[in-house]
Amino acid sequence: MKHAFTPEDLLEYLYKETDPQQTLAIEEALETDWTLREKLAVLQTSRARLDRLIESPRTETILHILHHAQQEKVSSNA
């Protein structure tokens, strides 16, 4: 019996969030289903790209937070 795995199933597998039975079922399906292997490869590529992204807040945002913290410090000392 062939199981239709969803993209969510593959994401859970990719991030090692599947239970042992689900992991085994996906691995067995990957051995014989080239379409499933291709879908997993696309997700792996996307994950690699996302893992390389580095996000940081704008300088303006950091300065606003620091200014607010300084104001709070001044008002709590008064």
PDB file of N, CA and C in Angstrom:
ATOM      1  N   MET A   1       0.837  -1.187   0.000  1.00  0.00           N
ATOM      2  CA  MET A   1       0.000   0.000   0.000  1.00  0.00           C
ATOM      3  C   MET A   1       0.881   1.249   0.000  1.00  0.00           C
ATOM      4  N   LYS A   2       0.601   2.122  -0.926  1.00  0.00           N
ATOM      5  CA  LYS A   2       1.387   3.344  -1.055  1.00  0.00           C
ATOM      6  C   LYS A   2       0.742   4.451  -0.239  1.00  0.00           C
ATOM      7  N   HIS A   3       1.551   5.114   0.567  1.00  0.00           N
ATOM      8  CA  HIS A   3       1.068   6.207   1.408  1.00  0.00           C
ATOM      9  C   HIS A   3       1.393   7.523   0.733  1.00  0.00           C
ATOM     10  N   ALA A   4       0.437   8.425   0.724  1.00  0.00           N
ATOM     11  CA  ALA A   4       0.672   9.750   0.143  1.00  0.00           C
ATOM     12  C   ALA A   4       1.144  10.687   1.245  1.00  0.00           C
ATOM     13  N   PHE A   5       2.422  10.998   1.224  1.00  0.00           N
ATOM     14  CA  PHE A   5       2.986  11.898   2.233  1.00  0.00           C
ATOM     15  C   PHE A   5       2.798  13.342   1.794  1.00  0.00           C
ATOM     16  N   THR A   6       2.429  14.168   2.723  1.00  0.00           N
ATOM     17  CA  THR A   6       2.215  15.584   2.447  1.00  0.00           C
ATOM     18  C   THR A   6       3.540  16.335   2.582  1.00  0.00           C
ATOM     19  N   PRO A   7       3.594  17.557   2.039  1.00  0.00           N
ATOM     20  CA  PRO A   7       4.794  18.371   2.264  1.00  0.00           C
ATOM     21  C   PRO A   7       5.070  18.577   3.756  1.00  0.00           C
ATOM     22  N   GLU A   8       4.008  18.661   4.548  1.00  0.00           N
ATOM     23  CA  GLU A   8       4.176  18.820   5.992  1.00  0.00           C
ATOM     24  C   GLU A   8       4.838  17.589   6.600  1.00  0.00           C
ATOM     25  N   ASP A   9       4.466  16.405   6.122  1.00  0.00           N
ATOM     26  CA  ASP A   9       5.106  15.170   6.587  1.00  0.00           C
ATOM     27  C   ASP A   9       6.603  15.206   6.285  1.00  0.00           C
ATOM     28  N   LEU A  10       6.939  15.645   5.079  1.00  0.00           N
ATOM     29  CA  LEU A  10       8.346  15.702   4.695  1.00  0.00           C
ATOM     30  C   LEU A  10       9.112  16.747   5.491  1.00  0.00           C
ATOM     31  N   LEU A  11       8.471  17.860   5.788  1.00  0.00           N
ATOM     32  CA  LEU A  11       9.123  18.879   6.626  1.00  0.00           C
ATOM     33  C   LEU A  11       9.388  18.343   8.027  1.00  0.00           C
ATOM     34  N   GLU A  12       8.412  17.651   8.578  1.00  0.00           N
ATOM     35  CA  GLU A  12       8.607  17.056   9.900  1.00  0.00           C
ATOM     36  C   GLU A  12       9.754  16.046   9.853  1.00  0.00           C
ATOM     37  N   TYR A  13       9.815  15.263   8.795  1.00  0.00           N
ATOM     38  CA  TYR A  13      10.906  14.294   8.634  1.00  0.00           C
ATOM     39  C   TYR A  13      12.243  15.022   8.525  1.00  0.00           C
ATOM     40  N   LEU A  14      12.274  16.064   7.719  1.00  0.00           N
ATOM     41  CA  LEU A  14      13.495  16.831   7.506  1.00  0.00           C
ATOM     42  C   LEU A  14      14.022  17.419   8.809  1.00  0.00           C
ATOM     43  N   TYR A  15      13.112  17.884   9.658  1.00  0.00           N
ATOM     44  CA  TYR A  15      13.505  18.485  10.939  1.00  0.00           C
ATOM     45  C   TYR A  15      13.512  17.475  12.085  1.00  0.00           C
ATOM     46  N   LYS A  16      13.426  16.177  11.725  1.00  0.00           N
ATOM     47  CA  LYS A  16      13.477  15.084  12.704  1.00  0.00           C
ATOM     48  C   LYS A  16      12.396  15.202  13.787  1.00  0.00           C
ATOM     49  N   GLU A  17      11.185  15.524  13.321  1.00  0.00           N
ATOM     50  CA  GLU A  17      10.061  15.666  14.243  1.00  0.00           C
ATOM     51  C   GLU A  17       9.017  14.568  14.060  1.00  0.00           C
ATOM     52  N   THR A  18       9.330  13.572  13.256  1.00  0.00           N
ATOM     53  CA  THR A  18       8.398  12.471  13.068  1.00  0.00           C
ATOM     54  C   THR A  18       8.650  11.394  14.120  1.00  0.00           C
ATOM     55  N   ASP A  19       7.587  10.654  14.436  1.00  0.00           N
ATOM     56  CA  ASP A  19       7.771   9.552  15.373  1.00  0.00           C
ATOM     57  C   ASP A  19       8.492   8.410  14.643  1.00  0.00           C
ATOM     58  N   PRO A  20       9.015   7.444  15.376  1.00  0.00           N
ATOM     59  CA  PRO A  20       9.802   6.371  14.737  1.00  0.00           C
ATOM     60  C   PRO A  20       9.059   5.625  13.624  1.00  0.00           C
ATOM     61  N   GLN A  21       7.766   5.369  13.801  1.00  0.00           N
ATOM     62  CA  GLN A  21       7.002   4.663  12.769  1.00  0.00           C
ATOM     63  C   GLN A  21       6.877   5.498  11.502  1.00  0.00           C
ATOM     64  N   GLN A  22       6.604   6.778  11.668  1.00  0.00           N
ATOM     65  CA  GLN A  22       6.471   7.681  10.526  1.00  0.00           C
ATOM     66  C   GLN A  22       7.822   7.814   9.811  1.00  0.00           C
ATOM     67  N   THR A  23       8.895   7.919  10.581  1.00  0.00           N
ATOM     68  CA  THR A  23      10.236   8.016   9.997  1.00  0.00           C
ATOM     69  C   THR A  23      10.533   6.791   9.145  1.00  0.00           C
ATOM     70  N   LEU A  24      10.251   5.624   9.670  1.00  0.00           N
ATOM     71  CA  LEU A  24      10.484   4.383   8.941  1.00  0.00           C
ATOM     72  C   LEU A  24       9.643   4.332   7.665  1.00  0.00           C
ATOM     73  N   ALA A  25       8.379   4.707   7.768  1.00  0.00           N
ATOM     74  CA  ALA A  25       7.494   4.691   6.597  1.00  0.00           C
ATOM     75  C   ALA A  25       8.009   5.640   5.513  1.00  0.00           C
ATOM     76  N   ILE A  26       8.452   6.826   5.902  1.00  0.00           N
ATOM     77  CA  ILE A  26       8.964   7.790   4.925  1.00  0.00           C
ATOM     78  C   ILE A  26      10.248   7.265   4.297  1.00  0.00           C
ATOM     79  N   GLU A  27      11.144   6.709   5.106  1.00  0.00           N
ATOM     80  CA  GLU A  27      12.408   6.193   4.574  1.00  0.00           C
ATOM     81  C   GLU A  27      12.181   5.031   3.613  1.00  0.00           C
ATOM     82  N   GLU A  28      11.220   4.179   3.930  1.00  0.00           N
ATOM     83  CA  GLU A  28      10.892   3.081   3.012  1.00  0.00           C
ATOM     84  C   GLU A  28      10.323   3.618   1.709  1.00  0.00           C
ATOM     85  N   ALA A  29       9.471   4.631   1.803  1.00  0.00           N
ATOM     86  CA  ALA A  29       8.887   5.231   0.599  1.00  0.00           C
ATOM     87  C   ALA A  29       9.948   5.935  -0.237  1.00  0.00           C
ATOM     88  N   LEU A  30      10.910   6.561   0.419  1.00  0.00           N
ATOM     89  CA  LEU A  30      11.976   7.260  -0.304  1.00  0.00           C
ATOM     90  C   LEU A  30      12.828   6.300  -1.137  1.00  0.00           C
ATOM     91  N   GLU A  31      12.927   5.049  -0.690  1.00  0.00           N
ATOM     92  CA  GLU A  31      13.722   4.065  -1.417  1.00  0.00           C
ATOM     93  C   GLU A  31      13.125   3.729  -2.781  1.00  0.00           C
ATOM     94  N   THR A  32      11.811   3.821  -2.903  1.00  0.00           N
ATOM     95  CA  THR A  32      11.150   3.388  -4.133  1.00  0.00           C
ATOM     96  C   THR A  32      10.438   4.499  -4.898  1.00  0.00           C
ATOM     97  N   ASP A  33      10.178   5.614  -4.263  1.00  0.00           N
ATOM     98  CA  ASP A  33       9.386   6.676  -4.892  1.00  0.00           C
ATOM     99  C   ASP A  33      10.270   7.868  -5.260  1.00  0.00           C
ATOM    100  N   TRP A  34      10.649   7.943  -6.528  1.00  0.00           N
ATOM    101  CA  TRP A  34      11.560   9.017  -6.949  1.00  0.00           C
ATOM    102  C   TRP A  34      10.898  10.379  -6.845  1.00  0.00           C
ATOM    103  N   THR A  35       9.579  10.459  -7.023  1.00  0.00           N
ATOM    104  CA  THR A  35       8.872  11.734  -6.896  1.00  0.00           C
ATOM    105  C   THR A  35       8.997  12.261  -5.473  1.00  0.00           C
ATOM    106  N   LEU A  36       8.849  11.373  -4.508  1.00  0.00           N
ATOM    107  CA  LEU A  36       8.984  11.761  -3.106  1.00  0.00           C
ATOM    108  C   LEU A  36      10.412  12.212  -2.811  1.00  0.00           C
ATOM    109  N   ARG A  37      11.396  11.502  -3.389  1.00  0.00           N
ATOM    110  CA  ARG A  37      12.799  11.919  -3.216  1.00  0.00           C
ATOM    111  C   ARG A  37      13.033  13.313  -3.792  1.00  0.00           C
ATOM    112  N   GLU A  38      12.424  13.598  -4.935  1.00  0.00           N
ATOM    113  CA  GLU A  38      12.567  14.922  -5.550  1.00  0.00           C
ATOM    114  C   GLU A  38      11.929  16.003  -4.673  1.00  0.00           C
ATOM    115  N   LYS A  39      10.766  15.714  -4.125  1.00  0.00           N
ATOM    116  CA  LYS A  39      10.101  16.679  -3.237  1.00  0.00           C
ATOM    117  C   LYS A  39      10.950  16.949  -2.003  1.00  0.00           C
ATOM    118  N   LEU A  40      11.536  15.898  -1.446  1.00  0.00           N
ATOM    119  CA  LEU A  40      12.401  16.065  -0.284  1.00  0.00           C
ATOM    120  C   LEU A  40      13.645  16.870  -0.656  1.00  0.00           C
ATOM    121  N   ALA A  41      14.199  16.631  -1.828  1.00  0.00           N
ATOM    122  CA  ALA A  41      15.389  17.369  -2.278  1.00  0.00           C
ATOM    123  C   ALA A  41      15.085  18.859  -2.405  1.00  0.00           C
ATOM    124  N   VAL A  42      13.907  19.195  -2.903  1.00  0.00           N
ATOM    125  CA  VAL A  42      13.513  20.603  -3.022  1.00  0.00           C
ATOM    126  C   VAL A  42      13.426  21.229  -1.634  1.00  0.00           C
ATOM    127  N   LEU A  43      12.826  20.519  -0.693  1.00  0.00           N
ATOM    128  CA  LEU A  43      12.722  21.032   0.673  1.00  0.00           C
ATOM    129  C   LEU A  43      14.103  21.184   1.309  1.00  0.00           C
ATOM    130  N   GLN A  44      14.988  20.235   1.046  1.00  0.00           N
ATOM    131  CA  GLN A  44      16.345  20.319   1.598  1.00  0.00           C
ATOM    132  C   GLN A  44      17.087  21.531   1.044  1.00  0.00           C
ATOM    133  N   THR A  45      16.921  21.795  -0.238  1.00  0.00           N
ATOM    134  CA  THR A  45      17.552  22.959  -0.858  1.00  0.00           C
ATOM    135  C   THR A  45      16.990  24.248  -0.264  1.00  0.00           C
ATOM    136  N   SER A  46      15.682  24.290  -0.110  1.00  0.00           N
ATOM    137  CA  SER A  46      15.047  25.474   0.476  1.00  0.00           C
ATOM    138  C   SER A  46      15.522  25.689   1.901  1.00  0.00           C
ATOM    139  N   ARG A  47      15.635  24.599   2.646  1.00  0.00           N
ATOM    140  CA  ARG A  47      16.099  24.705   4.035  1.00  0.00           C
ATOM    141  C   ARG A  47      17.530  25.235   4.075  1.00  0.00           C
ATOM    142  N   ALA A  48      18.381  24.744   3.181  1.00  0.00           N
ATOM    143  CA  ALA A  48      19.770  25.202   3.154  1.00  0.00           C
ATOM    144  C   ALA A  48      19.833  26.699   2.865  1.00  0.00           C
ATOM    145  N   ARG A  49      18.990  27.166   1.958  1.00  0.00           N
ATOM    146  CA  ARG A  49      18.956  28.598   1.656  1.00  0.00           C
ATOM    147  C   ARG A  49      18.468  29.401   2.848  1.00  0.00           C
ATOM    148  N   LEU A  50      17.440  28.913   3.503  1.00  0.00           N
ATOM    149  CA  LEU A  50      16.905  29.618   4.669  1.00  0.00           C
ATOM    150  C   LEU A  50      17.902  29.646   5.813  1.00  0.00           C
ATOM    151  N   ASP A  51      18.641  28.551   5.987  1.00  0.00           N
ATOM    152  CA  ASP A  51      19.624  28.485   7.067  1.00  0.00           C
ATOM    153  C   ASP A  51      20.766  29.480   6.869  1.00  0.00           C
ATOM    154  N   ARG A  52      21.009  29.867   5.605  1.00  0.00           N
ATOM    155  CA  ARG A  52      22.083  30.823   5.323  1.00  0.00           C
ATOM    156  C   ARG A  52      21.648  32.270   5.521  1.00  0.00           C
ATOM    157  N   LEU A  53      20.349  32.499   5.586  1.00  0.00           N
ATOM    158  CA  LEU A  53      19.867  33.862   5.767  1.00  0.00           C
ATOM    159  C   LEU A  53      20.185  34.359   7.170  1.00  0.00           C
ATOM    160  N   ILE A  54      20.654  35.559   7.240  1.00  0.00           N
ATOM    161  CA  ILE A  54      20.917  36.181   8.532  1.00  0.00           C
ATOM    162  C   ILE A  54      20.097  37.460   8.578  1.00  0.00           C
ATOM    163  N   GLU A  55      19.199  37.519   9.495  1.00  0.00           N
ATOM    164  CA  GLU A  55      18.345  38.685   9.642  1.00  0.00           C
ATOM    165  C   GLU A  55      18.764  39.446  10.880  1.00  0.00           C
ATOM    166  N   SER A  56      18.731  40.740  10.788  1.00  0.00           N
ATOM    167  CA  SER A  56      19.001  41.569  11.953  1.00  0.00           C
ATOM    168  C   SER A  56      18.123  42.808  11.857  1.00  0.00           C
ATOM    169  N   PRO A  57      17.774  43.370  12.995  1.00  0.00           N
ATOM    170  CA  PRO A  57      16.899  44.544  12.972  1.00  0.00           C
ATOM    171  C   PRO A  57      17.618  45.755  12.387  1.00  0.00           C
ATOM    172  N   ARG A  58      16.820  46.700  11.924  1.00  0.00           N
ATOM    173  CA  ARG A  58      17.386  47.947  11.409  1.00  0.00           C
ATOM    174  C   ARG A  58      18.064  48.697  12.552  1.00  0.00           C
ATOM    175  N   THR A  59      19.073  49.473  12.233  1.00  0.00           N
ATOM    176  CA  THR A  59      19.798  50.271  13.223  1.00  0.00           C
ATOM    177  C   THR A  59      18.840  51.197  13.956  1.00  0.00           C
ATOM    178  N   GLU A  60      17.905  51.773  13.236  1.00  0.00           N
ATOM    179  CA  GLU A  60      16.918  52.679  13.827  1.00  0.00           C
ATOM    180  C   GLU A  60      16.130  51.980  14.936  1.00  0.00           C
ATOM    181  N   THR A  61      15.778  50.741  14.716  1.00  0.00           N
ATOM    182  CA  THR A  61      15.028  49.976  15.714  1.00  0.00           C
ATOM    183  C   THR A  61      15.871  49.750  16.969  1.00  0.00           C
ATOM    184  N   ILE A  62      17.111  49.377  16.780  1.00  0.00           N
ATOM    185  CA  ILE A  62      18.006  49.154  17.929  1.00  0.00           C
ATOM    186  C   ILE A  62      18.190  50.445  18.719  1.00  0.00           C
ATOM    187  N   LEU A  63      18.402  51.556  18.018  1.00  0.00           N
ATOM    188  CA  LEU A  63      18.573  52.843  18.701  1.00  0.00           C
ATOM    189  C   LEU A  63      17.318  53.239  19.468  1.00  0.00           C
ATOM    190  N   HIS A  64      16.153  52.963  18.897  1.00  0.00           N
ATOM    191  CA  HIS A  64      14.897  53.266  19.578  1.00  0.00           C
ATOM    192  C   HIS A  64      14.779  52.455  20.873  1.00  0.00           C
ATOM    193  N   ILE A  65      15.128  51.191  20.813  1.00  0.00           N
ATOM    194  CA  ILE A  65      15.064  50.336  22.006  1.00  0.00           C
ATOM    195  C   ILE A  65      16.046  50.823  23.069  1.00  0.00           C
ATOM    196  N   LEU A  66      17.265  51.146  22.651  1.00  0.00           N
ATOM    197  CA  LEU A  66      18.255  51.637  23.612  1.00  0.00           C
ATOM    198  C   LEU A  66      17.821  52.956  24.236  1.00  0.00           C
ATOM    199  N   HIS A  67      17.242  53.836  23.425  1.00  0.00           N
ATOM    200  CA  HIS A  67      16.757  55.117  23.943  1.00  0.00           C
ATOM    201  C   HIS A  67      15.637  54.886  24.967  1.00  0.00           C
ATOM    202  N   HIS A  68      14.736  53.991  24.638  1.00  0.00           N
ATOM    203  CA  HIS A  68      13.627  53.680  25.547  1.00  0.00           C
ATOM    204  C   HIS A  68      14.162  53.092  26.864  1.00  0.00           C
ATOM    205  N   ALA A  69      15.134  52.196  26.767  1.00  0.00           N
ATOM    206  CA  ALA A  69      15.713  51.600  27.970  1.00  0.00           C
ATOM    207  C   ALA A  69      16.389  52.667  28.829  1.00  0.00           C
ATOM    208  N   GLN A  70      17.073  53.588  28.188  1.00  0.00           N
ATOM    209  CA  GLN A  70      17.733  54.666  28.924  1.00  0.00           C
ATOM    210  C   GLN A  70      16.695  55.539  29.627  1.00  0.00           C
ATOM    211  N   GLN A  71      15.592  55.845  28.943  1.00  0.00           N
ATOM    212  CA  GLN A  71      14.529  56.653  29.547  1.00  0.00           C
ATOM    213  C   GLN A  71      13.918  55.939  30.760  1.00  0.00           C
ATOM    214  N   GLU A  72      13.726  54.631  30.633  1.00  0.00           N
ATOM    215  CA  GLU A  72      13.180  53.847  31.742  1.00  0.00           C
ATOM    216  C   GLU A  72      14.137  53.858  32.932  1.00  0.00           C
ATOM    217  N   LYS A  73      15.424  53.752  32.643  1.00  0.00           N
ATOM    218  CA  LYS A  73      16.439  53.770  33.709  1.00  0.00           C
ATOM    219  C   LYS A  73      16.431  55.115  34.440  1.00  0.00           C
ATOM    220  N   VAL A  74      16.353  56.199  33.672  1.00  0.00           N
ATOM    221  CA  VAL A  74      16.347  57.547  34.250  1.00  0.00           C
ATOM    222  C   VAL A  74      15.098  57.743  35.095  1.00  0.00           C
ATOM    223  N   SER A  75      13.936  57.318  34.586  1.00  0.00           N
ATOM    224  CA  SER A  75      12.695  57.531  35.339  1.00  0.00           C
ATOM    225  C   SER A  75      12.616  56.641  36.579  1.00  0.00           C
ATOM    226  N   SER A  76      13.229  55.473  36.572  1.00  0.00           N
ATOM    227  CA  SER A  76      13.201  54.600  37.741  1.00  0.00           C
ATOM    228  C   SER A  76      14.190  55.086  38.811  1.00  0.00           C
ATOM    229  N   ASN A  77      15.213  55.830  38.431  1.00  0.00           N
ATOM    230  CA  ASN A  77      16.172  56.387  39.382  1.00  0.00           C
ATOM    231  C   ASN A  77      15.673  57.672  39.997  1.00  0.00           C
ATOM    232  N   ALA A  78      14.669  58.278  39.415  1.00  0.00           N
ATOM    233  CA  ALA A  78      14.178  59.567  39.914  1.00  0.00           C
ATOM    234  C   ALA A  78      13.305  59.426  41.133  1.00  0.00           C
TER     235      ALA A  78
END
